[in-house]
Amino acid sequence: MTEDADPFMFLDMPDEAVVAIDQFLEAFYHRFQNHYFAQMPRWYRAIDQREHYNDPMPSRPLLDPPF
């Protein structure tokens, strides 16, 4: 299997089918967002906090270089 293969191979479809699928996906996306609206920001805040607490503390500059 080649790595350059497109994972989404779209078939030719009639215009009506394309519009119906587009409308379905858009409605699904909006309902998903409305249902899980509180969980997504909570997840991103948790990621930001983990990254913040895992950052090493910057060290102070040396007053007298060792060499």
PDB file of N, CA and C in Angstrom:
ATOM      1  N   MET A   1       0.836  -1.177   0.000  1.00  0.00           N
ATOM      2  CA  MET A   1       0.000   0.000   0.000  1.00  0.00           C
ATOM      3  C   MET A   1       0.880   1.239   0.000  1.00  0.00           C
ATOM      4  N   THR A   2       0.608   2.151  -0.872  1.00  0.00           N
ATOM      5  CA  THR A   2       1.416   3.365  -0.941  1.00  0.00           C
ATOM      6  C   THR A   2       0.928   4.378   0.081  1.00  0.00           C
ATOM      7  N   GLU A   3       1.845   5.155   0.593  1.00  0.00           N
ATOM      8  CA  GLU A   3       1.495   6.172   1.588  1.00  0.00           C
ATOM      9  C   GLU A   3       0.890   7.412   0.956  1.00  0.00           C
ATOM     10  N   ASP A   4       1.042   7.553  -0.363  1.00  0.00           N
ATOM     11  CA  ASP A   4       0.523   8.719  -1.053  1.00  0.00           C
ATOM     12  C   ASP A   4      -0.950   8.574  -1.415  1.00  0.00           C
ATOM     13  N   ALA A   5      -1.538   7.431  -1.106  1.00  0.00           N
ATOM     14  CA  ALA A   5      -2.934   7.193  -1.467  1.00  0.00           C
ATOM     15  C   ALA A   5      -3.849   8.157  -0.716  1.00  0.00           C
ATOM     16  N   ASP A   6      -4.810   8.682  -1.417  1.00  0.00           N
ATOM     17  CA  ASP A   6      -5.787   9.606  -0.830  1.00  0.00           C
ATOM     18  C   ASP A   6      -6.782   8.795  -0.004  1.00  0.00           C
ATOM     19  N   PRO A   7      -6.913   9.091   1.293  1.00  0.00           N
ATOM     20  CA  PRO A   7      -7.849   8.313   2.109  1.00  0.00           C
ATOM     21  C   PRO A   7      -9.308   8.582   1.762  1.00  0.00           C
ATOM     22  N   PHE A   8      -9.553   9.688   1.075  1.00  0.00           N
ATOM     23  CA  PHE A   8     -10.918  10.037   0.688  1.00  0.00           C
ATOM     24  C   PHE A   8     -11.027   9.990  -0.833  1.00  0.00           C
ATOM     25  N   MET A   9     -11.572   8.911  -1.313  1.00  0.00           N
ATOM     26  CA  MET A   9     -11.773   8.793  -2.756  1.00  0.00           C
ATOM     27  C   MET A   9     -13.243   9.062  -3.030  1.00  0.00           C
ATOM     28  N   PHE A  10     -13.533  10.253  -3.500  1.00  0.00           N
ATOM     29  CA  PHE A  10     -14.911  10.641  -3.749  1.00  0.00           C
ATOM     30  C   PHE A  10     -15.357  10.167  -5.125  1.00  0.00           C
ATOM     31  N   LEU A  11     -16.515   9.577  -5.163  1.00  0.00           N
ATOM     32  CA  LEU A  11     -17.090   9.102  -6.406  1.00  0.00           C
ATOM     33  C   LEU A  11     -17.863  10.215  -7.082  1.00  0.00           C
ATOM     34  N   ASP A  12     -18.060  10.091  -8.366  1.00  0.00           N
ATOM     35  CA  ASP A  12     -18.939  11.018  -9.059  1.00  0.00           C
ATOM     36  C   ASP A  12     -20.368  10.719  -8.647  1.00  0.00           C
ATOM     37  N   MET A  13     -21.110  11.760  -8.283  1.00  0.00           N
ATOM     38  CA  MET A  13     -22.489  11.592  -7.838  1.00  0.00           C
ATOM     39  C   MET A  13     -23.363  12.634  -8.511  1.00  0.00           C
ATOM     40  N   PRO A  14     -24.651  12.370  -8.568  1.00  0.00           N
ATOM     41  CA  PRO A  14     -25.563  13.379  -9.097  1.00  0.00           C
ATOM     42  C   PRO A  14     -25.592  14.600  -8.172  1.00  0.00           C
ATOM     43  N   ASP A  15     -25.918  15.749  -8.735  1.00  0.00           N
ATOM     44  CA  ASP A  15     -25.954  16.994  -7.968  1.00  0.00           C
ATOM     45  C   ASP A  15     -26.855  16.880  -6.750  1.00  0.00           C
ATOM     46  N   GLU A  16     -28.001  16.253  -6.901  1.00  0.00           N
ATOM     47  CA  GLU A  16     -28.959  16.113  -5.799  1.00  0.00           C
ATOM     48  C   GLU A  16     -28.344  15.346  -4.633  1.00  0.00           C
ATOM     49  N   ALA A  17     -27.586  14.300  -4.920  1.00  0.00           N
ATOM     50  CA  ALA A  17     -26.947  13.514  -3.864  1.00  0.00           C
ATOM     51  C   ALA A  17     -25.869  14.327  -3.157  1.00  0.00           C
ATOM     52  N   VAL A  18     -25.104  15.082  -3.926  1.00  0.00           N
ATOM     53  CA  VAL A  18     -24.046  15.909  -3.339  1.00  0.00           C
ATOM     54  C   VAL A  18     -24.645  16.934  -2.380  1.00  0.00           C
ATOM     55  N   VAL A  19     -25.709  17.592  -2.798  1.00  0.00           N
ATOM     56  CA  VAL A  19     -26.356  18.602  -1.951  1.00  0.00           C
ATOM     57  C   VAL A  19     -26.968  17.948  -0.716  1.00  0.00           C
ATOM     58  N   ALA A  20     -27.589  16.778  -0.871  1.00  0.00           N
ATOM     59  CA  ALA A  20     -28.195  16.087   0.272  1.00  0.00           C
ATOM     60  C   ALA A  20     -27.140  15.695   1.298  1.00  0.00           C
ATOM     61  N   ILE A  21     -26.003  15.184   0.844  1.00  0.00           N
ATOM     62  CA  ILE A  21     -24.926  14.794   1.764  1.00  0.00           C
ATOM     63  C   ILE A  21     -24.346  16.031   2.443  1.00  0.00           C
ATOM     64  N   ASP A  22     -24.166  17.096   1.690  1.00  0.00           N
ATOM     65  CA  ASP A  22     -23.653  18.341   2.262  1.00  0.00           C
ATOM     66  C   ASP A  22     -24.583  18.865   3.354  1.00  0.00           C
ATOM     67  N   GLN A  23     -25.862  18.869   3.091  1.00  0.00           N
ATOM     68  CA  GLN A  23     -26.829  19.343   4.087  1.00  0.00           C
ATOM     69  C   GLN A  23     -26.840  18.451   5.321  1.00  0.00           C
ATOM     70  N   PHE A  24     -26.731  17.140   5.118  1.00  0.00           N
ATOM     71  CA  PHE A  24     -26.684  16.216   6.249  1.00  0.00           C
ATOM     72  C   PHE A  24     -25.448  16.480   7.108  1.00  0.00           C
ATOM     73  N   LEU A  25     -24.283  16.600   6.457  1.00  0.00           N
ATOM     74  CA  LEU A  25     -23.047  16.816   7.214  1.00  0.00           C
ATOM     75  C   LEU A  25     -23.075  18.139   7.974  1.00  0.00           C
ATOM     76  N   GLU A  26     -23.618  19.156   7.354  1.00  0.00           N
ATOM     77  CA  GLU A  26     -23.710  20.451   8.023  1.00  0.00           C
ATOM     78  C   GLU A  26     -24.663  20.381   9.223  1.00  0.00           C
ATOM     79  N   ALA A  27     -25.801  19.732   9.055  1.00  0.00           N
ATOM     80  CA  ALA A  27     -26.753  19.584  10.167  1.00  0.00           C
ATOM     81  C   ALA A  27     -26.139  18.746  11.284  1.00  0.00           C
ATOM     82  N   PHE A  28     -25.436  17.671  10.916  1.00  0.00           N
ATOM     83  CA  PHE A  28     -24.788  16.819  11.910  1.00  0.00           C
ATOM     84  C   PHE A  28     -23.751  17.617  12.690  1.00  0.00           C
ATOM     85  N   TYR A  29     -22.945  18.385  11.976  1.00  0.00           N
ATOM     86  CA  TYR A  29     -21.900  19.188  12.621  1.00  0.00           C
ATOM     87  C   TYR A  29     -22.505  20.178  13.618  1.00  0.00           C
ATOM     88  N   HIS A  30     -23.564  20.873  13.212  1.00  0.00           N
ATOM     89  CA  HIS A  30     -24.186  21.854  14.107  1.00  0.00           C
ATOM     90  C   HIS A  30     -24.831  21.182  15.322  1.00  0.00           C
ATOM     91  N   ARG A  31     -25.465  20.060  15.126  1.00  0.00           N
ATOM     92  CA  ARG A  31     -26.070  19.365  16.273  1.00  0.00           C
ATOM     93  C   ARG A  31     -24.997  18.828  17.211  1.00  0.00           C
ATOM     94  N   PHE A  32     -23.921  18.320  16.649  1.00  0.00           N
ATOM     95  CA  PHE A  32     -22.797  17.835  17.457  1.00  0.00           C
ATOM     96  C   PHE A  32     -22.222  18.974  18.289  1.00  0.00           C
ATOM     97  N   GLN A  33     -21.973  20.119  17.645  1.00  0.00           N
ATOM     98  CA  GLN A  33     -21.441  21.279  18.352  1.00  0.00           C
ATOM     99  C   GLN A  33     -22.383  21.742  19.461  1.00  0.00           C
ATOM    100  N   ASN A  34     -23.671  21.796  19.166  1.00  0.00           N
ATOM    101  CA  ASN A  34     -24.638  22.249  20.164  1.00  0.00           C
ATOM    102  C   ASN A  34     -24.752  21.283  21.337  1.00  0.00           C
ATOM    103  N   HIS A  35     -24.618  20.005  21.067  1.00  0.00           N
ATOM    104  CA  HIS A  35     -24.767  19.014  22.137  1.00  0.00           C
ATOM    105  C   HIS A  35     -23.535  18.970  23.050  1.00  0.00           C
ATOM    106  N   TYR A  36     -22.346  19.061  22.440  1.00  0.00           N
ATOM    107  CA  TYR A  36     -21.103  18.914  23.199  1.00  0.00           C
ATOM    108  C   TYR A  36     -20.375  20.243  23.410  1.00  0.00           C
ATOM    109  N   PHE A  37     -21.096  21.365  23.300  1.00  0.00           N
ATOM    110  CA  PHE A  37     -20.456  22.673  23.361  1.00  0.00           C
ATOM    111  C   PHE A  37     -19.666  22.901  24.637  1.00  0.00           C
ATOM    112  N   ALA A  38     -20.095  22.356  25.757  1.00  0.00           N
ATOM    113  CA  ALA A  38     -19.404  22.600  27.027  1.00  0.00           C
ATOM    114  C   ALA A  38     -18.170  21.724  27.183  1.00  0.00           C
ATOM    115  N   GLN A  39     -18.170  20.570  26.582  1.00  0.00           N
ATOM    116  CA  GLN A  39     -17.058  19.644  26.766  1.00  0.00           C
ATOM    117  C   GLN A  39     -15.824  20.044  25.968  1.00  0.00           C
ATOM    118  N   MET A  40     -16.009  20.592  24.798  1.00  0.00           N
ATOM    119  CA  MET A  40     -14.854  20.907  23.952  1.00  0.00           C
ATOM    120  C   MET A  40     -13.963  21.983  24.564  1.00  0.00           C
ATOM    121  N   PRO A  41     -14.497  23.119  25.030  1.00  0.00           N
ATOM    122  CA  PRO A  41     -13.605  24.102  25.670  1.00  0.00           C
ATOM    123  C   PRO A  41     -12.948  23.551  26.937  1.00  0.00           C
ATOM    124  N   ARG A  42     -13.661  22.708  27.672  1.00  0.00           N
ATOM    125  CA  ARG A  42     -13.096  22.104  28.882  1.00  0.00           C
ATOM    126  C   ARG A  42     -11.871  21.267  28.517  1.00  0.00           C
ATOM    127  N   TRP A  43     -11.961  20.520  27.424  1.00  0.00           N
ATOM    128  CA  TRP A  43     -10.844  19.690  26.970  1.00  0.00           C
ATOM    129  C   TRP A  43      -9.641  20.556  26.593  1.00  0.00           C
ATOM    130  N   TYR A  44      -9.885  21.611  25.827  1.00  0.00           N
ATOM    131  CA  TYR A  44      -8.792  22.475  25.403  1.00  0.00           C
ATOM    132  C   TYR A  44      -8.171  23.221  26.580  1.00  0.00           C
ATOM    133  N   ARG A  45      -8.968  23.617  27.557  1.00  0.00           N
ATOM    134  CA  ARG A  45      -8.414  24.250  28.763  1.00  0.00           C
ATOM    135  C   ARG A  45      -7.534  23.271  29.518  1.00  0.00           C
ATOM    136  N   ALA A  46      -7.961  22.018  29.610  1.00  0.00           N
ATOM    137  CA  ALA A  46      -7.166  21.005  30.304  1.00  0.00           C
ATOM    138  C   ALA A  46      -5.829  20.794  29.603  1.00  0.00           C
ATOM    139  N   ILE A  47      -5.835  20.796  28.287  1.00  0.00           N
ATOM    140  CA  ILE A  47      -4.583  20.654  27.540  1.00  0.00           C
ATOM    141  C   ILE A  47      -3.671  21.844  27.820  1.00  0.00           C
ATOM    142  N   ASP A  48      -4.230  23.046  27.799  1.00  0.00           N
ATOM    143  CA  ASP A  48      -3.427  24.240  28.079  1.00  0.00           C
ATOM    144  C   ASP A  48      -2.833  24.187  29.479  1.00  0.00           C
ATOM    145  N   GLN A  49      -3.612  23.743  30.447  1.00  0.00           N
ATOM    146  CA  GLN A  49      -3.111  23.665  31.822  1.00  0.00           C
ATOM    147  C   GLN A  49      -2.001  22.627  31.943  1.00  0.00           C
ATOM    148  N   ARG A  50      -2.175  21.467  31.286  1.00  0.00           N
ATOM    149  CA  ARG A  50      -1.122  20.451  31.330  1.00  0.00           C
ATOM    150  C   ARG A  50       0.161  20.987  30.721  1.00  0.00           C
ATOM    151  N   GLU A  51       0.051  21.678  29.595  1.00  0.00           N
ATOM    152  CA  GLU A  51       1.241  22.229  28.955  1.00  0.00           C
ATOM    153  C   GLU A  51       1.872  23.304  29.825  1.00  0.00           C
ATOM    154  N   HIS A  52       1.028  24.092  30.483  1.00  0.00           N
ATOM    155  CA  HIS A  52       1.549  25.159  31.354  1.00  0.00           C
ATOM    156  C   HIS A  52       2.321  24.566  32.528  1.00  0.00           C
ATOM    157  N   TYR A  53       1.788  23.536  33.162  1.00  0.00           N
ATOM    158  CA  TYR A  53       2.433  22.959  34.333  1.00  0.00           C
ATOM    159  C   TYR A  53       3.611  22.077  33.975  1.00  0.00           C
ATOM    160  N   ASN A  54       3.711  21.629  32.739  1.00  0.00           N
ATOM    161  CA  ASN A  54       4.843  20.801  32.331  1.00  0.00           C
ATOM    162  C   ASN A  54       5.997  21.616  31.778  1.00  0.00           C
ATOM    163  N   ASP A  55       5.793  22.908  31.600  1.00  0.00           N
ATOM    164  CA  ASP A  55       6.890  23.752  31.117  1.00  0.00           C
ATOM    165  C   ASP A  55       7.962  23.835  32.191  1.00  0.00           C
ATOM    166  N   PRO A  56       9.210  23.616  31.806  1.00  0.00           N
ATOM    167  CA  PRO A  56      10.262  23.757  32.818  1.00  0.00           C
ATOM    168  C   PRO A  56      10.400  25.227  33.213  1.00  0.00           C
ATOM    169  N   MET A  57      10.731  25.405  34.451  1.00  0.00           N
ATOM    170  CA  MET A  57      10.887  26.761  34.951  1.00  0.00           C
ATOM    171  C   MET A  57      12.172  27.351  34.373  1.00  0.00           C
ATOM    172  N   PRO A  58      12.102  28.560  33.863  1.00  0.00           N
ATOM    173  CA  PRO A  58      13.336  29.128  33.304  1.00  0.00           C
ATOM    174  C   PRO A  58      14.358  29.359  34.406  1.00  0.00           C
ATOM    175  N   SER A  59      15.584  29.022  34.088  1.00  0.00           N
ATOM    176  CA  SER A  59      16.626  29.205  35.096  1.00  0.00           C
ATOM    177  C   SER A  59      17.122  30.648  35.075  1.00  0.00           C
ATOM    178  N   ARG A  60      17.568  31.083  36.218  1.00  0.00           N
ATOM    179  CA  ARG A  60      18.075  32.445  36.321  1.00  0.00           C
ATOM    180  C   ARG A  60      19.442  32.514  35.650  1.00  0.00           C
ATOM    181  N   PRO A  61      19.779  33.656  35.077  1.00  0.00           N
ATOM    182  CA  PRO A  61      21.105  33.770  34.461  1.00  0.00           C
ATOM    183  C   PRO A  61      22.197  33.708  35.535  1.00  0.00           C
ATOM    184  N   LEU A  62      23.299  33.161  35.136  1.00  0.00           N
ATOM    185  CA  LEU A  62      24.420  33.062  36.068  1.00  0.00           C
ATOM    186  C   LEU A  62      25.028  34.443  36.297  1.00  0.00           C
ATOM    187  N   LEU A  63      25.316  34.740  37.562  1.00  0.00           N
ATOM    188  CA  LEU A  63      25.942  36.026  37.873  1.00  0.00           C
ATOM    189  C   LEU A  63      27.412  36.007  37.502  1.00  0.00           C
ATOM    190  N   ASP A  64      28.036  34.876  37.733  1.00  0.00           N
ATOM    191  CA  ASP A  64      29.451  34.741  37.417  1.00  0.00           C
ATOM    192  C   ASP A  64      29.607  33.506  36.531  1.00  0.00           C
ATOM    193  N   PRO A  65      30.007  33.659  35.262  1.00  0.00           N
ATOM    194  CA  PRO A  65      30.161  32.480  34.406  1.00  0.00           C
ATOM    195  C   PRO A  65      31.147  31.481  35.015  1.00  0.00           C
ATOM    196  N   PRO A  66      30.914  30.166  34.839  1.00  0.00           N
ATOM    197  CA  PRO A  66      31.747  29.166  35.502  1.00  0.00           C
ATOM    198  C   PRO A  66      33.158  29.107  34.949  1.00  0.00           C
ATOM    199  N   PHE A  67      33.411  29.580  33.723  1.00  0.00           N
ATOM    200  CA  PHE A  67      34.748  29.480  33.164  1.00  0.00           C
ATOM    201  C   PHE A  67      35.234  30.815  32.689  1.00  0.00           C
TER     202      PHE A  67
END
